[in-house]
Amino acid sequence: MDKRSPGMLISVLRGGRLAVHLLYGTLLAAVYPHLNQTRQSRTLKNWSRQLLGILNIGIQIEGQQPARGEGGCLIVANHVSWLDIFVLNAIHPSRFIAKSEVRSWPIIGWLCRRSGTIFIERAMRQGASAINQHVSLLLKQGASIGLFPEGTTTDGAQVGHFHSALIQPAIDAGIRLCPIALRYQNKEEGMEAAAAFTGDTTLAQSIWQILCCPQLNALVVFTPPLQTANENRRVLARTAQAAIAQGLENVSLSRQVTVQQAIPDLPQQMLSTQSSYSLLIDPLSSQHYH
């Protein structure tokens, strides 16, 4: 066992606390759909934060968060783990679009269903069209919707190709697209593989890996929102992908500067106004942040 691991006993104790918290979640889920939107948001945020606390996962936020109450928002993020949904909900509670397989996951699948997760059958193109109409309506009503356009998880070392089909609702609803970069790190700020839910790893195996990890920190990088009015969804997908990749690179570069103590000629803001996506950034976005 890794010398840094918390030990079998502590991992088992964490697992017990996790089981109790999931049971608590099932009780909350029974009444959750009957709560008003404000209480739903508060309940989802608190439960997600408690879950991360049990798993000893901290959150480090870079950039400015989109303000709530300013209309609908389509959040797009790179996808590393099943933890991603709970990390984002601990900051900015949203309804997520997820693959239909999640619906069958023990306990977590049921919690996702009760919390309003939108499931999609990837093999059914006509299903995507119906989902788009539904999501567009929710966005127009002021909902915050989360999406992982890669369509699969990666180890977090790079950002995969963004599929554009489910970005169309943001254009139809005329709301902002909010790209968010995710990465999981150890306490030395190196990338932590224990969080990655990739390959043939089962959900149970992934949970155990995380329980055995001494500490995880979820790095959440908010990049400037993108305008969607009259834009092409494929262009938006490429732009959001580039923004997320650049956001992660900027954080890595800034930390290299800190370690080296000074590199005078390195610009602090790597996303220049000449970047490939700067023209899509809302020029009034500063009025919608806090």
C-alpha atoms as a PDB file:
ATOM      1  CA  MET A   1       0.000   0.000   0.000  1.00  0.00           C
ATOM      2  CA  ASP A   2       1.166   3.523  -0.770  1.00  0.00           C
ATOM      3  CA  LYS A   3       2.900   4.987   2.288  1.00  0.00           C
ATOM      4  CA  ARG A   4       0.822   8.109   1.871  1.00  0.00           C
ATOM      5  CA  SER A   5      -2.477   6.210   1.987  1.00  0.00           C
ATOM      6  CA  PRO A   6      -4.662   6.754   5.045  1.00  0.00           C
ATOM      7  CA  GLY A   7      -4.609   3.070   5.998  1.00  0.00           C
ATOM      8  CA  MET A   8      -7.175   0.321   5.621  1.00  0.00           C
ATOM      9  CA  LEU A   9      -9.057   1.124   8.832  1.00  0.00           C
ATOM     10  CA  ILE A  10      -9.477   4.817   8.008  1.00  0.00           C
ATOM     11  CA  SER A  11     -10.548   3.963   4.468  1.00  0.00           C
ATOM     12  CA  VAL A  12     -13.174   1.548   5.803  1.00  0.00           C
ATOM     13  CA  LEU A  13     -14.414   4.177   8.275  1.00  0.00           C
ATOM     14  CA  ARG A  14     -14.718   6.663   5.447  1.00  0.00           C
ATOM     15  CA  GLY A  15     -16.660   4.061   3.503  1.00  0.00           C
ATOM     16  CA  GLY A  16     -19.053   3.678   6.427  1.00  0.00           C
ATOM     17  CA  ARG A  17     -19.618   7.417   6.617  1.00  0.00           C
ATOM     18  CA  LEU A  18     -20.179   7.466   2.865  1.00  0.00           C
ATOM     19  CA  ALA A  19     -22.810   4.723   3.138  1.00  0.00           C
ATOM     20  CA  VAL A  20     -24.648   6.685   5.857  1.00  0.00           C
ATOM     21  CA  HIS A  21     -24.495   9.852   3.756  1.00  0.00           C
ATOM     22  CA  LEU A  22     -25.896   8.041   0.726  1.00  0.00           C
ATOM     23  CA  LEU A  23     -28.724   6.733   2.903  1.00  0.00           C
ATOM     24  CA  TYR A  24     -29.346  10.281   4.080  1.00  0.00           C
ATOM     25  CA  GLY A  25     -29.380  11.307   0.419  1.00  0.00           C
ATOM     26  CA  THR A  26     -32.100   8.777  -0.396  1.00  0.00           C
ATOM     27  CA  LEU A  27     -34.264  10.291   2.361  1.00  0.00           C
ATOM     28  CA  LEU A  28     -33.691  13.788   1.020  1.00  0.00           C
ATOM     29  CA  ALA A  29     -34.400  12.586  -2.514  1.00  0.00           C
ATOM     30  CA  ALA A  30     -37.862  11.447  -1.470  1.00  0.00           C
ATOM     31  CA  VAL A  31     -38.904  15.049  -0.802  1.00  0.00           C
ATOM     32  CA  TYR A  32     -36.473  16.884  -3.099  1.00  0.00           C
ATOM     33  CA  PRO A  33     -38.784  17.163  -6.157  1.00  0.00           C
ATOM     34  CA  HIS A  34     -41.440  18.822  -3.958  1.00  0.00           C
ATOM     35  CA  LEU A  35     -39.129  21.630  -2.748  1.00  0.00           C
ATOM     36  CA  ASN A  36     -39.092  25.050  -4.362  1.00  0.00           C
ATOM     37  CA  GLN A  37     -36.132  25.957  -6.563  1.00  0.00           C
ATOM     38  CA  THR A  38     -34.272  27.885  -3.861  1.00  0.00           C
ATOM     39  CA  ARG A  39     -34.481  25.041  -1.348  1.00  0.00           C
ATOM     40  CA  GLN A  40     -33.550  22.488  -4.010  1.00  0.00           C
ATOM     41  CA  SER A  41     -30.438  24.477  -4.850  1.00  0.00           C
ATOM     42  CA  ARG A  42     -29.455  24.832  -1.192  1.00  0.00           C
ATOM     43  CA  THR A  43     -30.097  21.149  -0.464  1.00  0.00           C
ATOM     44  CA  LEU A  44     -28.089  20.001  -3.478  1.00  0.00           C
ATOM     45  CA  LYS A  45     -25.169  22.270  -2.635  1.00  0.00           C
ATOM     46  CA  ASN A  46     -25.041  21.256   1.038  1.00  0.00           C
ATOM     47  CA  TRP A  47     -25.360  17.524   0.363  1.00  0.00           C
ATOM     48  CA  SER A  48     -22.632  17.668  -2.296  1.00  0.00           C
ATOM     49  CA  ARG A  49     -20.294  19.593   0.007  1.00  0.00           C
ATOM     50  CA  GLN A  50     -20.854  17.072   2.786  1.00  0.00           C
ATOM     51  CA  LEU A  51     -20.111  14.223   0.360  1.00  0.00           C
ATOM     52  CA  LEU A  52     -16.816  15.818  -0.669  1.00  0.00           C
ATOM     53  CA  GLY A  53     -15.961  16.394   2.989  1.00  0.00           C
ATOM     54  CA  ILE A  54     -16.429  12.708   3.774  1.00  0.00           C
ATOM     55  CA  LEU A  55     -14.156  11.815   0.849  1.00  0.00           C
ATOM     56  CA  ASN A  56     -11.604  14.412   2.036  1.00  0.00           C
ATOM     57  CA  ILE A  57     -11.841  16.334  -1.225  1.00  0.00           C
ATOM     58  CA  GLY A  58     -11.144  20.050  -1.128  1.00  0.00           C
ATOM     59  CA  ILE A  59     -12.122  22.555  -3.805  1.00  0.00           C
ATOM     60  CA  GLN A  60      -9.847  25.250  -5.184  1.00  0.00           C
ATOM     61  CA  ILE A  61     -11.565  27.843  -7.369  1.00  0.00           C
ATOM     62  CA  GLU A  62      -9.864  29.984 -10.001  1.00  0.00           C
ATOM     63  CA  GLY A  63     -11.644  32.698 -11.964  1.00  0.00           C
ATOM     64  CA  GLN A  64     -15.029  34.301 -11.364  1.00  0.00           C
ATOM     65  CA  GLN A  65     -18.194  32.300 -10.902  1.00  0.00           C
ATOM     66  CA  PRO A  66     -21.314  33.087 -12.938  1.00  0.00           C
ATOM     67  CA  ALA A  67     -23.882  34.897 -10.829  1.00  0.00           C
ATOM     68  CA  ARG A  68     -27.113  33.083 -10.078  1.00  0.00           C
ATOM     69  CA  GLY A  69     -30.435  34.728 -10.798  1.00  0.00           C
ATOM     70  CA  GLU A  70     -29.219  36.251 -14.068  1.00  0.00           C
ATOM     71  CA  GLY A  71     -31.145  33.888 -16.347  1.00  0.00           C
ATOM     72  CA  GLY A  72     -30.323  30.430 -17.621  1.00  0.00           C
ATOM     73  CA  CYS A  73     -26.783  29.129 -17.986  1.00  0.00           C
ATOM     74  CA  LEU A  74     -25.330  26.149 -19.860  1.00  0.00           C
ATOM     75  CA  ILE A  75     -22.218  24.959 -18.048  1.00  0.00           C
ATOM     76  CA  VAL A  76     -19.761  22.895 -20.102  1.00  0.00           C
ATOM     77  CA  ALA A  77     -16.793  21.172 -18.491  1.00  0.00           C
ATOM     78  CA  ASN A  78     -14.173  18.560 -19.238  1.00  0.00           C
ATOM     79  CA  HIS A  79     -15.013  15.186 -17.712  1.00  0.00           C
ATOM     80  CA  VAL A  80     -12.655  13.295 -15.398  1.00  0.00           C
ATOM     81  CA  SER A  81     -14.799  11.465 -12.860  1.00  0.00           C
ATOM     82  CA  TRP A  82     -18.271  10.771 -11.500  1.00  0.00           C
ATOM     83  CA  LEU A  83     -17.145  13.244  -8.831  1.00  0.00           C
ATOM     84  CA  ASP A  84     -17.392  16.099 -11.340  1.00  0.00           C
ATOM     85  CA  ILE A  85     -21.137  16.515 -10.882  1.00  0.00           C
ATOM     86  CA  PHE A  86     -20.834  16.779  -7.106  1.00  0.00           C
ATOM     87  CA  VAL A  87     -17.860  19.163  -7.278  1.00  0.00           C
ATOM     88  CA  LEU A  88     -19.792  21.497  -9.574  1.00  0.00           C
ATOM     89  CA  ASN A  89     -22.992  21.154  -7.539  1.00  0.00           C
ATOM     90  CA  ALA A  90     -21.063  22.096  -4.406  1.00  0.00           C
ATOM     91  CA  ILE A  91     -20.298  25.433  -6.095  1.00  0.00           C
ATOM     92  CA  HIS A  92     -23.054  26.104  -8.617  1.00  0.00           C
ATOM     93  CA  PRO A  93     -25.981  23.645  -8.293  1.00  0.00           C
ATOM     94  CA  SER A  94     -27.287  22.559 -11.695  1.00  0.00           C
ATOM     95  CA  ARG A  95     -29.259  19.891 -13.504  1.00  0.00           C
ATOM     96  CA  PHE A  96     -26.896  17.707 -15.516  1.00  0.00           C
ATOM     97  CA  ILE A  97     -27.194  15.906 -18.809  1.00  0.00           C
ATOM     98  CA  ALA A  98     -25.846  12.379 -18.349  1.00  0.00           C
ATOM     99  CA  LYS A  99     -25.589   9.148 -20.273  1.00  0.00           C
ATOM    100  CA  SER A 100     -28.465   6.754 -19.700  1.00  0.00           C
ATOM    101  CA  GLU A 101     -26.174   4.168 -18.034  1.00  0.00           C
ATOM    102  CA  VAL A 102     -25.895   6.380 -14.944  1.00  0.00           C
ATOM    103  CA  ARG A 103     -29.594   5.783 -14.303  1.00  0.00           C
ATOM    104  CA  SER A 104     -28.845   2.133 -13.414  1.00  0.00           C
ATOM    105  CA  TRP A 105     -26.015   2.864 -10.961  1.00  0.00           C
ATOM    106  CA  PRO A 106     -26.856   1.699  -7.425  1.00  0.00           C
ATOM    107  CA  ILE A 107     -28.144   4.540  -5.209  1.00  0.00           C
ATOM    108  CA  ILE A 108     -26.279   7.265  -7.143  1.00  0.00           C
ATOM    109  CA  GLY A 109     -28.429   6.592 -10.212  1.00  0.00           C
ATOM    110  CA  TRP A 110     -31.596   6.997  -8.182  1.00  0.00           C
ATOM    111  CA  LEU A 111     -30.271  10.167  -6.539  1.00  0.00           C
ATOM    112  CA  CYS A 112     -29.509  11.577  -9.981  1.00  0.00           C
ATOM    113  CA  ARG A 113     -33.014  10.775 -11.203  1.00  0.00           C
ATOM    114  CA  ARG A 114     -34.639  12.437  -8.202  1.00  0.00           C
ATOM    115  CA  SER A 115     -32.444  15.538  -8.490  1.00  0.00           C
ATOM    116  CA  GLY A 116     -33.584  16.177 -12.055  1.00  0.00           C
ATOM    117  CA  THR A 117     -30.712  14.737 -14.088  1.00  0.00           C
ATOM    118  CA  ILE A 118     -31.530  14.635 -17.798  1.00  0.00           C
ATOM    119  CA  PHE A 119     -30.621  11.255 -19.284  1.00  0.00           C
ATOM    120  CA  ILE A 120     -29.852  10.726 -22.949  1.00  0.00           C
ATOM    121  CA  GLU A 121     -29.501   7.620 -25.106  1.00  0.00           C
ATOM    122  CA  ARG A 122     -26.414   8.351 -27.166  1.00  0.00           C
ATOM    123  CA  ALA A 123     -27.291   5.885 -29.904  1.00  0.00           C
ATOM    124  CA  MET A 124     -30.641   7.578 -30.614  1.00  0.00           C
ATOM    125  CA  ARG A 125     -30.291  10.743 -32.696  1.00  0.00           C
ATOM    126  CA  GLN A 126     -33.997  11.480 -32.430  1.00  0.00           C
ATOM    127  CA  GLY A 127     -33.604  11.324 -28.653  1.00  0.00           C
ATOM    128  CA  ALA A 128     -30.978  14.071 -28.815  1.00  0.00           C
ATOM    129  CA  SER A 129     -33.423  16.317 -30.670  1.00  0.00           C
ATOM    130  CA  ALA A 130     -36.093  15.854 -27.978  1.00  0.00           C
ATOM    131  CA  ILE A 131     -33.501  16.466 -25.248  1.00  0.00           C
ATOM    132  CA  ASN A 132     -32.402  19.669 -26.982  1.00  0.00           C
ATOM    133  CA  GLN A 133     -35.952  21.006 -27.015  1.00  0.00           C
ATOM    134  CA  HIS A 134     -36.429  20.116 -23.354  1.00  0.00           C
ATOM    135  CA  VAL A 135     -33.099  21.679 -22.305  1.00  0.00           C
ATOM    136  CA  SER A 136     -33.783  24.817 -24.336  1.00  0.00           C
ATOM    137  CA  LEU A 137     -37.094  25.259 -22.524  1.00  0.00           C
ATOM    138  CA  LEU A 138     -35.450  24.811 -19.123  1.00  0.00           C
ATOM    139  CA  LEU A 139     -32.744  27.349 -19.990  1.00  0.00           C
ATOM    140  CA  LYS A 140     -35.363  29.882 -21.078  1.00  0.00           C
ATOM    141  CA  GLN A 141     -37.029  29.356 -17.697  1.00  0.00           C
ATOM    142  CA  GLY A 142     -33.769  30.301 -15.959  1.00  0.00           C
ATOM    143  CA  ALA A 143     -32.383  26.864 -15.134  1.00  0.00           C
ATOM    144  CA  SER A 144     -28.681  26.096 -14.844  1.00  0.00           C
ATOM    145  CA  ILE A 145     -27.802  23.000 -16.901  1.00  0.00           C
ATOM    146  CA  GLY A 146     -24.491  21.124 -16.813  1.00  0.00           C
ATOM    147  CA  LEU A 147     -22.971  19.216 -19.736  1.00  0.00           C
ATOM    148  CA  PHE A 148     -19.778  17.241 -20.408  1.00  0.00           C
ATOM    149  CA  PRO A 149     -19.312  17.622 -24.184  1.00  0.00           C
ATOM    150  CA  GLU A 150     -16.430  15.117 -24.401  1.00  0.00           C
ATOM    151  CA  GLY A 151     -19.020  12.373 -23.965  1.00  0.00           C
ATOM    152  CA  THR A 152     -16.530  10.292 -21.971  1.00  0.00           C
ATOM    153  CA  THR A 153     -14.027  10.671 -19.154  1.00  0.00           C
ATOM    154  CA  THR A 154     -10.289  11.316 -19.477  1.00  0.00           C
ATOM    155  CA  ASP A 155      -7.444  11.223 -16.975  1.00  0.00           C
ATOM    156  CA  GLY A 156      -7.492  15.015 -16.800  1.00  0.00           C
ATOM    157  CA  ALA A 157      -4.096  15.461 -18.431  1.00  0.00           C
ATOM    158  CA  GLN A 158      -5.708  16.809 -21.572  1.00  0.00           C
ATOM    159  CA  VAL A 159      -9.080  18.002 -22.822  1.00  0.00           C
ATOM    160  CA  GLY A 160     -10.775  15.699 -25.330  1.00  0.00           C
ATOM    161  CA  HIS A 161     -12.825  16.615 -28.388  1.00  0.00           C
ATOM    162  CA  PHE A 162     -16.056  18.470 -27.590  1.00  0.00           C
ATOM    163  CA  HIS A 163     -19.190  17.241 -29.348  1.00  0.00           C
ATOM    164  CA  SER A 164     -21.466  20.085 -30.325  1.00  0.00           C
ATOM    165  CA  ALA A 165     -24.994  18.614 -30.590  1.00  0.00           C
ATOM    166  CA  LEU A 166     -26.082  19.358 -27.020  1.00  0.00           C
ATOM    167  CA  ILE A 167     -24.717  22.913 -27.144  1.00  0.00           C
ATOM    168  CA  GLN A 168     -27.519  23.886 -29.548  1.00  0.00           C
ATOM    169  CA  PRO A 169     -30.040  24.567 -26.727  1.00  0.00           C
ATOM    170  CA  ALA A 170     -27.872  27.442 -25.461  1.00  0.00           C
ATOM    171  CA  ILE A 171     -28.071  29.048 -28.912  1.00  0.00           C
ATOM    172  CA  ASP A 172     -31.812  28.432 -29.192  1.00  0.00           C
ATOM    173  CA  ALA A 173     -32.426  29.921 -25.743  1.00  0.00           C
ATOM    174  CA  GLY A 174     -30.023  32.824 -26.298  1.00  0.00           C
ATOM    175  CA  ILE A 175     -28.201  32.260 -23.006  1.00  0.00           C
ATOM    176  CA  ARG A 176     -24.528  32.243 -22.093  1.00  0.00           C
ATOM    177  CA  LEU A 177     -22.229  29.250 -22.346  1.00  0.00           C
ATOM    178  CA  CYS A 178     -19.992  28.926 -19.267  1.00  0.00           C
ATOM    179  CA  PRO A 179     -16.847  26.785 -19.794  1.00  0.00           C
ATOM    180  CA  ILE A 180     -15.348  25.322 -16.617  1.00  0.00           C
ATOM    181  CA  ALA A 181     -12.069  23.401 -16.391  1.00  0.00           C
ATOM    182  CA  LEU A 182     -11.680  20.531 -13.918  1.00  0.00           C
ATOM    183  CA  ARG A 183      -8.600  18.756 -12.626  1.00  0.00           C
ATOM    184  CA  TYR A 184      -7.916  16.661  -9.519  1.00  0.00           C
ATOM    185  CA  GLN A 185      -4.675  17.188  -7.632  1.00  0.00           C
ATOM    186  CA  ASN A 186      -2.835  15.878  -4.595  1.00  0.00           C
ATOM    187  CA  LYS A 187      -1.675  18.145  -1.790  1.00  0.00           C
ATOM    188  CA  GLU A 188       1.569  18.795  -3.690  1.00  0.00           C
ATOM    189  CA  GLU A 189      -0.603  20.148  -6.550  1.00  0.00           C
ATOM    190  CA  GLY A 190       0.404  17.309  -8.837  1.00  0.00           C
ATOM    191  CA  MET A 191      -2.292  15.541 -10.852  1.00  0.00           C
ATOM    192  CA  GLU A 192      -3.949  12.748  -8.833  1.00  0.00           C
ATOM    193  CA  ALA A 193      -4.874   9.632 -10.827  1.00  0.00           C
ATOM    194  CA  ALA A 194      -7.107   8.180  -8.098  1.00  0.00           C
ATOM    195  CA  ALA A 195      -9.998  10.418  -9.130  1.00  0.00           C
ATOM    196  CA  ALA A 196      -9.991   9.451 -12.818  1.00  0.00           C
ATOM    197  CA  PHE A 197     -12.917   7.193 -13.746  1.00  0.00           C
ATOM    198  CA  THR A 198     -11.582   5.735 -16.965  1.00  0.00           C
ATOM    199  CA  GLY A 199     -11.110   2.463 -18.818  1.00  0.00           C
ATOM    200  CA  ASP A 200     -12.652  -0.648 -17.286  1.00  0.00           C
ATOM    201  CA  THR A 201     -12.762   0.789 -13.768  1.00  0.00           C
ATOM    202  CA  THR A 202     -16.088   0.044 -12.091  1.00  0.00           C
ATOM    203  CA  LEU A 203     -17.908   2.530  -9.896  1.00  0.00           C
ATOM    204  CA  ALA A 204     -17.137   0.438  -6.799  1.00  0.00           C
ATOM    205  CA  GLN A 205     -13.433   0.308  -7.703  1.00  0.00           C
ATOM    206  CA  SER A 206     -13.370   4.052  -8.296  1.00  0.00           C
ATOM    207  CA  ILE A 207     -15.008   4.769  -4.942  1.00  0.00           C
ATOM    208  CA  TRP A 208     -12.501   2.539  -3.159  1.00  0.00           C
ATOM    209  CA  GLN A 209      -9.564   4.262  -4.893  1.00  0.00           C
ATOM    210  CA  ILE A 210     -10.841   7.598  -3.664  1.00  0.00           C
ATOM    211  CA  LEU A 211     -11.468   6.299  -0.140  1.00  0.00           C
ATOM    212  CA  CYS A 212      -7.856   5.078  -0.039  1.00  0.00           C
ATOM    213  CA  CYS A 213      -6.466   8.397  -1.252  1.00  0.00           C
ATOM    214  CA  PRO A 214      -5.107  10.576   1.577  1.00  0.00           C
ATOM    215  CA  GLN A 215      -6.297  13.827   0.097  1.00  0.00           C
ATOM    216  CA  LEU A 216      -7.713  15.155  -3.160  1.00  0.00           C
ATOM    217  CA  ASN A 217      -8.212  18.708  -4.278  1.00  0.00           C
ATOM    218  CA  ALA A 218     -10.584  19.531  -7.102  1.00  0.00           C
ATOM    219  CA  LEU A 219      -9.276  22.445  -9.132  1.00  0.00           C
ATOM    220  CA  VAL A 220     -12.194  24.338 -10.701  1.00  0.00           C
ATOM    221  CA  VAL A 221     -11.284  27.034 -13.214  1.00  0.00           C
ATOM    222  CA  PHE A 222     -14.091  29.363 -14.321  1.00  0.00           C
ATOM    223  CA  THR A 223     -13.330  30.893 -17.716  1.00  0.00           C
ATOM    224  CA  PRO A 224     -15.180  33.908 -19.179  1.00  0.00           C
ATOM    225  CA  PRO A 225     -18.696  33.137 -20.468  1.00  0.00           C
ATOM    226  CA  LEU A 226     -19.278  32.910 -24.207  1.00  0.00           C
ATOM    227  CA  GLN A 227     -22.018  34.622 -26.168  1.00  0.00           C
ATOM    228  CA  THR A 228     -24.204  32.265 -28.158  1.00  0.00           C
ATOM    229  CA  ALA A 229     -26.445  34.608 -30.154  1.00  0.00           C
ATOM    230  CA  ASN A 230     -26.191  33.835 -33.870  1.00  0.00           C
ATOM    231  CA  GLU A 231     -23.215  31.531 -33.284  1.00  0.00           C
ATOM    232  CA  ASN A 232     -22.521  28.130 -34.806  1.00  0.00           C
ATOM    233  CA  ARG A 233     -22.626  25.277 -32.305  1.00  0.00           C
ATOM    234  CA  ARG A 234     -19.471  23.660 -33.700  1.00  0.00           C
ATOM    235  CA  VAL A 235     -17.567  26.915 -33.373  1.00  0.00           C
ATOM    236  CA  LEU A 236     -18.839  27.278 -29.813  1.00  0.00           C
ATOM    237  CA  ALA A 237     -17.793  23.715 -28.988  1.00  0.00           C
ATOM    238  CA  ARG A 238     -14.258  24.293 -30.286  1.00  0.00           C
ATOM    239  CA  THR A 239     -14.089  27.640 -28.518  1.00  0.00           C
ATOM    240  CA  ALA A 240     -15.237  26.215 -25.175  1.00  0.00           C
ATOM    241  CA  GLN A 241     -12.770  23.325 -25.526  1.00  0.00           C
ATOM    242  CA  ALA A 242      -9.923  25.767 -26.205  1.00  0.00           C
ATOM    243  CA  ALA A 243     -10.966  27.977 -23.290  1.00  0.00           C
ATOM    244  CA  ILE A 244     -10.933  25.050 -20.864  1.00  0.00           C
ATOM    245  CA  ALA A 245      -7.587  23.746 -22.107  1.00  0.00           C
ATOM    246  CA  GLN A 246      -6.132  27.251 -21.879  1.00  0.00           C
ATOM    247  CA  GLY A 247      -7.570  27.768 -18.411  1.00  0.00           C
ATOM    248  CA  LEU A 248      -5.805  24.663 -17.106  1.00  0.00           C
ATOM    249  CA  GLU A 249      -2.585  25.655 -18.840  1.00  0.00           C
ATOM    250  CA  ASN A 250      -2.720  29.142 -17.348  1.00  0.00           C
ATOM    251  CA  VAL A 251      -3.018  27.746 -13.829  1.00  0.00           C
ATOM    252  CA  SER A 252      -0.084  25.396 -14.447  1.00  0.00           C
ATOM    253  CA  LEU A 253       2.030  28.246 -15.821  1.00  0.00           C
ATOM    254  CA  SER A 254       1.180  30.569 -12.940  1.00  0.00           C
ATOM    255  CA  ARG A 255       2.266  27.910 -10.471  1.00  0.00           C
ATOM    256  CA  GLN A 256       5.518  27.393 -12.309  1.00  0.00           C
ATOM    257  CA  VAL A 257       6.139  31.119 -11.939  1.00  0.00           C
ATOM    258  CA  THR A 258       5.427  30.861  -8.204  1.00  0.00           C
ATOM    259  CA  VAL A 259       7.836  27.972  -7.779  1.00  0.00           C
ATOM    260  CA  GLN A 260      10.532  29.748  -9.763  1.00  0.00           C
ATOM    261  CA  GLN A 261       9.707  32.955  -7.830  1.00  0.00           C
ATOM    262  CA  ALA A 262       9.806  35.219 -10.837  1.00  0.00           C
ATOM    263  CA  ILE A 263       9.756  35.222 -14.603  1.00  0.00           C
ATOM    264  CA  PRO A 264       9.344  38.954 -15.294  1.00  0.00           C
ATOM    265  CA  ASP A 265       8.427  38.711 -18.959  1.00  0.00           C
ATOM    266  CA  LEU A 266       5.695  36.095 -18.587  1.00  0.00           C
ATOM    267  CA  PRO A 267       2.272  37.764 -19.034  1.00  0.00           C
ATOM    268  CA  GLN A 268      -0.089  37.134 -16.139  1.00  0.00           C
ATOM    269  CA  GLN A 269      -3.130  36.901 -18.389  1.00  0.00           C
ATOM    270  CA  MET A 270      -2.411  34.281 -21.013  1.00  0.00           C
ATOM    271  CA  LEU A 271      -5.829  34.691 -22.659  1.00  0.00           C
ATOM    272  CA  SER A 272      -5.084  37.741 -24.751  1.00  0.00           C
ATOM    273  CA  THR A 273      -7.715  39.728 -26.580  1.00  0.00           C
ATOM    274  CA  GLN A 274      -6.329  38.217 -29.758  1.00  0.00           C
ATOM    275  CA  SER A 275      -7.057  34.637 -28.663  1.00  0.00           C
ATOM    276  CA  SER A 276      -9.212  32.379 -30.796  1.00  0.00           C
ATOM    277  CA  TYR A 277     -12.280  32.762 -28.612  1.00  0.00           C
ATOM    278  CA  SER A 278     -12.012  36.262 -27.213  1.00  0.00           C
ATOM    279  CA  LEU A 279     -14.557  37.666 -29.655  1.00  0.00           C
ATOM    280  CA  LEU A 280     -17.179  35.337 -28.194  1.00  0.00           C
ATOM    281  CA  ILE A 281     -16.656  36.552 -24.652  1.00  0.00           C
ATOM    282  CA  ASP A 282     -19.499  38.725 -23.453  1.00  0.00           C
ATOM    283  CA  PRO A 283     -18.122  42.289 -23.247  1.00  0.00           C
ATOM    284  CA  LEU A 284     -20.611  42.957 -20.441  1.00  0.00           C
ATOM    285  CA  SER A 285     -19.764  39.817 -18.490  1.00  0.00           C
ATOM    286  CA  SER A 286     -18.231  41.760 -15.614  1.00  0.00           C
ATOM    287  CA  GLN A 287     -21.699  43.041 -14.806  1.00  0.00           C
ATOM    288  CA  HIS A 288     -22.935  39.506 -14.246  1.00  0.00           C
ATOM    289  CA  TYR A 289     -20.198  38.292 -11.914  1.00  0.00           C
ATOM    290  CA  HIS A 290     -19.698  38.661  -8.256  1.00  0.00           C
END
